[in-house]
Amino acid sequence: MHRRVALLLLSTGVLLAAGPSAQAQGPVRRPDQDRALDAVRDGRLAPLSQVLDVIAARTPGDHLDTRFGETVDGRPVYLVTWRTQDNRVVVFIVDARSGRILDQRGG
């Protein structure tokens, strides 16, 4: 796995470990969200709703969090943290341009 993706996965794990108290403070806008939203509006990236539909069809469960980043070679990716119906946590690495699942970790 590329170093940058690994770093983003680690940060996602830290957020999950923080638990509900970190989420109870309300949504916090992140620069990665703003960049991704602008790119979706411009048609350069797949909408997150489309990505979540693909994941839900493949692995029923609940969306926990999404991060936007890029691989070392510059490919934009969504890192989608997902809880399966049997309470396993999976991080899907999704090509943000096509919406195609590239890999998954955990679970």
N, C-alpha and C. Protein backbone atom coordinates (compact mmCIF):
# COMPACT_ATOMS: atom_id res chain seq x y z
N MET A 1 0.86 -1.16 0.00
CA MET A 1 0.00 0.00 0.00
C MET A 1 0.91 1.22 0.00
N HIS A 2 0.51 2.23 -0.73
CA HIS A 2 1.30 3.45 -0.80
C HIS A 2 1.34 4.14 0.56
N ARG A 3 2.44 4.81 0.83
CA ARG A 3 2.65 5.45 2.12
C ARG A 3 1.55 6.46 2.45
N ARG A 4 1.15 7.27 1.50
CA ARG A 4 0.14 8.31 1.77
C ARG A 4 -1.22 7.68 2.11
N VAL A 5 -1.60 6.63 1.37
CA VAL A 5 -2.86 5.96 1.67
C VAL A 5 -2.79 5.35 3.06
N ALA A 6 -1.65 4.77 3.40
CA ALA A 6 -1.48 4.19 4.73
C ALA A 6 -1.65 5.25 5.80
N LEU A 7 -1.08 6.44 5.56
CA LEU A 7 -1.20 7.53 6.52
C LEU A 7 -2.65 7.97 6.67
N LEU A 8 -3.37 8.06 5.55
CA LEU A 8 -4.78 8.44 5.62
C LEU A 8 -5.61 7.38 6.34
N LEU A 9 -5.28 6.10 6.10
CA LEU A 9 -6.00 5.04 6.80
C LEU A 9 -5.74 5.12 8.29
N LEU A 10 -4.52 5.44 8.67
CA LEU A 10 -4.19 5.59 10.08
C LEU A 10 -5.00 6.71 10.71
N SER A 11 -5.12 7.83 10.01
CA SER A 11 -5.89 8.95 10.58
C SER A 11 -7.36 8.58 10.70
N THR A 12 -7.87 7.78 9.77
CA THR A 12 -9.26 7.32 9.87
C THR A 12 -9.43 6.45 11.11
N GLY A 13 -8.45 5.58 11.35
CA GLY A 13 -8.51 4.72 12.53
C GLY A 13 -8.49 5.51 13.82
N VAL A 14 -7.73 6.58 13.85
CA VAL A 14 -7.68 7.43 15.04
C VAL A 14 -9.04 8.06 15.29
N LEU A 15 -9.71 8.51 14.24
CA LEU A 15 -11.05 9.09 14.40
C LEU A 15 -12.03 8.06 14.93
N LEU A 16 -11.95 6.84 14.41
CA LEU A 16 -12.86 5.80 14.89
C LEU A 16 -12.59 5.49 16.35
N ALA A 17 -11.33 5.47 16.73
CA ALA A 17 -10.99 5.17 18.13
C ALA A 17 -11.48 6.27 19.06
N ALA A 18 -11.61 7.49 18.55
CA ALA A 18 -12.08 8.60 19.37
C ALA A 18 -13.53 8.39 19.80
N GLY A 19 -14.27 7.64 18.99
CA GLY A 19 -15.63 7.27 19.36
C GLY A 19 -16.64 8.38 19.25
N PRO A 20 -17.82 8.15 19.81
CA PRO A 20 -18.95 9.07 19.68
C PRO A 20 -18.70 10.47 20.24
N SER A 21 -17.88 10.59 21.29
CA SER A 21 -17.68 11.91 21.88
C SER A 21 -17.07 12.88 20.88
N ALA A 22 -16.18 12.40 20.02
CA ALA A 22 -15.58 13.27 19.00
C ALA A 22 -16.61 13.65 17.96
N GLN A 23 -17.54 12.76 17.68
CA GLN A 23 -18.57 13.03 16.68
C GLN A 23 -19.68 13.88 17.26
N ALA A 24 -19.86 13.86 18.57
CA ALA A 24 -20.96 14.58 19.19
C ALA A 24 -20.77 16.09 19.13
N GLN A 25 -19.57 16.53 18.87
CA GLN A 25 -19.31 17.95 18.79
C GLN A 25 -19.86 18.58 17.51
N GLY A 26 -20.38 17.79 16.63
CA GLY A 26 -20.97 18.29 15.39
C GLY A 26 -19.99 18.18 14.24
N PRO A 27 -20.51 18.35 13.03
CA PRO A 27 -19.66 18.20 11.85
C PRO A 27 -18.63 19.32 11.78
N VAL A 28 -17.44 18.93 11.42
CA VAL A 28 -16.35 19.89 11.24
C VAL A 28 -15.94 19.82 9.78
N ARG A 29 -15.92 20.96 9.12
CA ARG A 29 -15.52 21.00 7.72
C ARG A 29 -14.01 20.79 7.64
N ARG A 30 -13.61 19.94 6.73
CA ARG A 30 -12.20 19.68 6.53
C ARG A 30 -11.82 20.17 5.13
N PRO A 31 -10.58 20.61 4.97
CA PRO A 31 -10.14 21.07 3.64
C PRO A 31 -10.31 20.00 2.57
N ASP A 32 -10.11 18.71 2.94
CA ASP A 32 -10.26 17.65 1.95
C ASP A 32 -11.71 17.55 1.47
N GLN A 33 -12.66 17.83 2.34
CA GLN A 33 -14.08 17.82 1.94
C GLN A 33 -14.35 18.93 0.94
N ASP A 34 -13.81 20.11 1.20
CA ASP A 34 -14.03 21.23 0.29
C ASP A 34 -13.43 20.96 -1.08
N ARG A 35 -12.23 20.40 -1.12
CA ARG A 35 -11.60 20.08 -2.41
C ARG A 35 -12.42 19.04 -3.17
N ALA A 36 -12.88 18.02 -2.47
CA ALA A 36 -13.67 16.98 -3.12
C ALA A 36 -14.99 17.53 -3.62
N LEU A 37 -15.66 18.34 -2.82
CA LEU A 37 -16.94 18.90 -3.22
C LEU A 37 -16.80 19.76 -4.47
N ASP A 38 -15.77 20.59 -4.52
CA ASP A 38 -15.52 21.41 -5.70
C ASP A 38 -15.29 20.54 -6.94
N ALA A 39 -14.53 19.47 -6.78
CA ALA A 39 -14.23 18.57 -7.90
C ALA A 39 -15.47 17.82 -8.37
N VAL A 40 -16.36 17.45 -7.45
CA VAL A 40 -17.61 16.78 -7.83
C VAL A 40 -18.48 17.76 -8.62
N ARG A 41 -18.58 18.98 -8.13
CA ARG A 41 -19.38 20.00 -8.84
C ARG A 41 -18.86 20.26 -10.25
N ASP A 42 -17.54 20.19 -10.41
CA ASP A 42 -16.92 20.41 -11.72
C ASP A 42 -16.97 19.17 -12.60
N GLY A 43 -17.46 18.05 -12.06
CA GLY A 43 -17.55 16.81 -12.83
C GLY A 43 -16.24 16.04 -12.92
N ARG A 44 -15.25 16.39 -12.11
CA ARG A 44 -13.96 15.71 -12.14
C ARG A 44 -13.93 14.47 -11.27
N LEU A 45 -14.85 14.40 -10.28
CA LEU A 45 -14.91 13.25 -9.38
C LEU A 45 -16.31 12.69 -9.31
N ALA A 46 -16.39 11.41 -8.99
CA ALA A 46 -17.69 10.75 -8.79
C ALA A 46 -18.31 11.28 -7.50
N PRO A 47 -19.62 11.51 -7.49
CA PRO A 47 -20.27 11.94 -6.25
C PRO A 47 -20.17 10.85 -5.17
N LEU A 48 -20.01 11.28 -3.94
CA LEU A 48 -19.90 10.34 -2.84
C LEU A 48 -21.15 9.48 -2.73
N SER A 49 -22.31 10.04 -3.01
CA SER A 49 -23.55 9.25 -2.93
C SER A 49 -23.49 8.04 -3.87
N GLN A 50 -22.91 8.22 -5.04
CA GLN A 50 -22.76 7.12 -5.99
C GLN A 50 -21.81 6.06 -5.43
N VAL A 51 -20.72 6.51 -4.85
CA VAL A 51 -19.73 5.60 -4.26
C VAL A 51 -20.36 4.80 -3.11
N LEU A 52 -21.12 5.48 -2.27
CA LEU A 52 -21.76 4.79 -1.13
C LEU A 52 -22.79 3.77 -1.61
N ASP A 53 -23.49 4.07 -2.70
CA ASP A 53 -24.44 3.10 -3.26
C ASP A 53 -23.73 1.83 -3.73
N VAL A 54 -22.57 2.00 -4.36
CA VAL A 54 -21.79 0.86 -4.84
C VAL A 54 -21.32 0.01 -3.65
N ILE A 55 -20.82 0.67 -2.62
CA ILE A 55 -20.35 -0.06 -1.45
C ILE A 55 -21.51 -0.78 -0.76
N ALA A 56 -22.65 -0.10 -0.60
CA ALA A 56 -23.81 -0.70 0.08
C ALA A 56 -24.31 -1.93 -0.68
N ALA A 57 -24.26 -1.89 -2.01
CA ALA A 57 -24.70 -3.04 -2.80
C ALA A 57 -23.75 -4.22 -2.61
N ARG A 58 -22.48 -3.92 -2.43
CA ARG A 58 -21.47 -4.96 -2.27
C ARG A 58 -21.39 -5.48 -0.84
N THR A 59 -21.50 -4.54 0.12
CA THR A 59 -21.34 -4.88 1.53
C THR A 59 -22.38 -4.12 2.35
N PRO A 60 -23.53 -4.73 2.60
CA PRO A 60 -24.55 -4.04 3.39
C PRO A 60 -24.00 -3.60 4.75
N GLY A 61 -24.38 -2.39 5.15
CA GLY A 61 -23.91 -1.85 6.43
C GLY A 61 -24.14 -0.36 6.50
N ASP A 62 -23.31 0.32 7.28
CA ASP A 62 -23.48 1.75 7.52
C ASP A 62 -22.20 2.52 7.22
N HIS A 63 -22.37 3.67 6.61
CA HIS A 63 -21.27 4.59 6.33
C HIS A 63 -20.88 5.28 7.63
N LEU A 64 -19.60 5.24 7.99
CA LEU A 64 -19.12 5.89 9.21
C LEU A 64 -18.39 7.20 8.92
N ASP A 65 -17.54 7.19 7.89
CA ASP A 65 -16.72 8.38 7.63
C ASP A 65 -16.12 8.26 6.24
N THR A 66 -15.79 9.39 5.66
CA THR A 66 -15.08 9.41 4.38
C THR A 66 -13.99 10.46 4.44
N ARG A 67 -12.85 10.11 3.93
CA ARG A 67 -11.73 11.04 3.76
C ARG A 67 -11.42 11.11 2.28
N PHE A 68 -10.93 12.25 1.85
CA PHE A 68 -10.50 12.42 0.47
C PHE A 68 -9.00 12.62 0.48
N GLY A 69 -8.31 11.92 -0.39
CA GLY A 69 -6.87 12.06 -0.47
C GLY A 69 -6.39 11.63 -1.83
N GLU A 70 -5.12 11.35 -1.91
CA GLU A 70 -4.57 10.86 -3.17
C GLU A 70 -3.44 9.91 -2.87
N THR A 71 -3.20 9.02 -3.83
CA THR A 71 -2.11 8.08 -3.70
C THR A 71 -0.81 8.80 -4.04
N VAL A 72 0.31 8.13 -3.82
CA VAL A 72 1.61 8.71 -4.10
C VAL A 72 1.72 9.11 -5.58
N ASP A 73 1.09 8.33 -6.45
CA ASP A 73 1.16 8.66 -7.88
C ASP A 73 0.13 9.72 -8.30
N GLY A 74 -0.57 10.30 -7.32
CA GLY A 74 -1.48 11.41 -7.61
C GLY A 74 -2.91 11.03 -7.91
N ARG A 75 -3.27 9.76 -7.81
CA ARG A 75 -4.64 9.34 -8.08
C ARG A 75 -5.53 9.78 -6.91
N PRO A 76 -6.62 10.52 -7.20
CA PRO A 76 -7.52 10.91 -6.11
C PRO A 76 -8.33 9.71 -5.63
N VAL A 77 -8.44 9.57 -4.32
CA VAL A 77 -9.19 8.45 -3.75
C VAL A 77 -10.09 8.92 -2.63
N TYR A 78 -11.19 8.19 -2.47
CA TYR A 78 -12.02 8.32 -1.29
C TYR A 78 -11.63 7.16 -0.37
N LEU A 79 -11.47 7.44 0.90
CA LEU A 79 -11.25 6.40 1.91
C LEU A 79 -12.53 6.34 2.73
N VAL A 80 -13.32 5.32 2.46
CA VAL A 80 -14.66 5.22 3.05
C VAL A 80 -14.62 4.20 4.18
N THR A 81 -14.91 4.66 5.39
CA THR A 81 -14.97 3.77 6.55
C THR A 81 -16.40 3.29 6.69
N TRP A 82 -16.57 1.98 6.77
CA TRP A 82 -17.87 1.34 6.69
C TRP A 82 -18.00 0.31 7.80
N ARG A 83 -19.16 0.22 8.43
CA ARG A 83 -19.43 -0.83 9.42
C ARG A 83 -20.38 -1.83 8.77
N THR A 84 -19.97 -3.09 8.75
CA THR A 84 -20.79 -4.14 8.16
C THR A 84 -21.94 -4.49 9.12
N GLN A 85 -22.88 -5.27 8.63
CA GLN A 85 -24.02 -5.65 9.46
C GLN A 85 -23.62 -6.48 10.66
N ASP A 86 -22.47 -7.15 10.59
CA ASP A 86 -22.00 -7.91 11.74
C ASP A 86 -20.93 -7.14 12.54
N ASN A 87 -20.97 -5.81 12.42
CA ASN A 87 -20.14 -4.87 13.20
C ASN A 87 -18.64 -4.93 12.94
N ARG A 88 -18.24 -5.41 11.78
CA ARG A 88 -16.83 -5.30 11.39
C ARG A 88 -16.64 -3.93 10.76
N VAL A 89 -15.45 -3.34 10.91
CA VAL A 89 -15.14 -2.05 10.29
C VAL A 89 -14.20 -2.30 9.11
N VAL A 90 -14.60 -1.77 7.96
CA VAL A 90 -13.84 -1.93 6.72
C VAL A 90 -13.57 -0.54 6.16
N VAL A 91 -12.36 -0.34 5.65
CA VAL A 91 -12.06 0.90 4.93
C VAL A 91 -11.93 0.55 3.46
N PHE A 92 -12.79 1.14 2.64
CA PHE A 92 -12.74 0.94 1.20
C PHE A 92 -11.91 2.06 0.59
N ILE A 93 -11.00 1.69 -0.28
CA ILE A 93 -10.21 2.66 -1.04
C ILE A 93 -10.83 2.70 -2.43
N VAL A 94 -11.38 3.88 -2.78
CA VAL A 94 -12.18 4.00 -3.99
C VAL A 94 -11.57 5.04 -4.91
N ASP A 95 -11.42 4.70 -6.18
CA ASP A 95 -10.95 5.67 -7.17
C ASP A 95 -12.00 6.78 -7.24
N ALA A 96 -11.60 7.99 -6.89
CA ALA A 96 -12.56 9.09 -6.80
C ALA A 96 -13.04 9.56 -8.17
N ARG A 97 -12.30 9.27 -9.22
CA ARG A 97 -12.74 9.67 -10.57
C ARG A 97 -13.82 8.74 -11.10
N SER A 98 -13.58 7.44 -10.98
CA SER A 98 -14.50 6.47 -11.57
C SER A 98 -15.53 5.93 -10.59
N GLY A 99 -15.23 6.01 -9.29
CA GLY A 99 -16.10 5.43 -8.28
C GLY A 99 -15.86 3.94 -8.08
N ARG A 100 -14.82 3.40 -8.72
CA ARG A 100 -14.51 1.98 -8.64
C ARG A 100 -13.73 1.66 -7.36
N ILE A 101 -14.13 0.60 -6.67
CA ILE A 101 -13.43 0.16 -5.45
C ILE A 101 -12.09 -0.43 -5.88
N LEU A 102 -11.02 0.13 -5.33
CA LEU A 102 -9.67 -0.34 -5.65
C LEU A 102 -9.19 -1.41 -4.68
N ASP A 103 -9.56 -1.24 -3.41
CA ASP A 103 -9.07 -2.14 -2.36
C ASP A 103 -9.93 -1.96 -1.13
N GLN A 104 -9.76 -2.85 -0.19
CA GLN A 104 -10.40 -2.71 1.11
C GLN A 104 -9.48 -3.25 2.17
N ARG A 105 -9.58 -2.64 3.37
CA ARG A 105 -8.74 -3.04 4.50
C ARG A 105 -9.63 -3.26 5.71
N GLY A 106 -9.25 -4.23 6.52
CA GLY A 106 -9.99 -4.51 7.74
C GLY A 106 -11.13 -5.49 7.51
N GLY A 107 -11.94 -5.61 8.55
CA GLY A 107 -13.13 -6.43 8.47
C GLY A 107 -12.86 -7.86 8.42
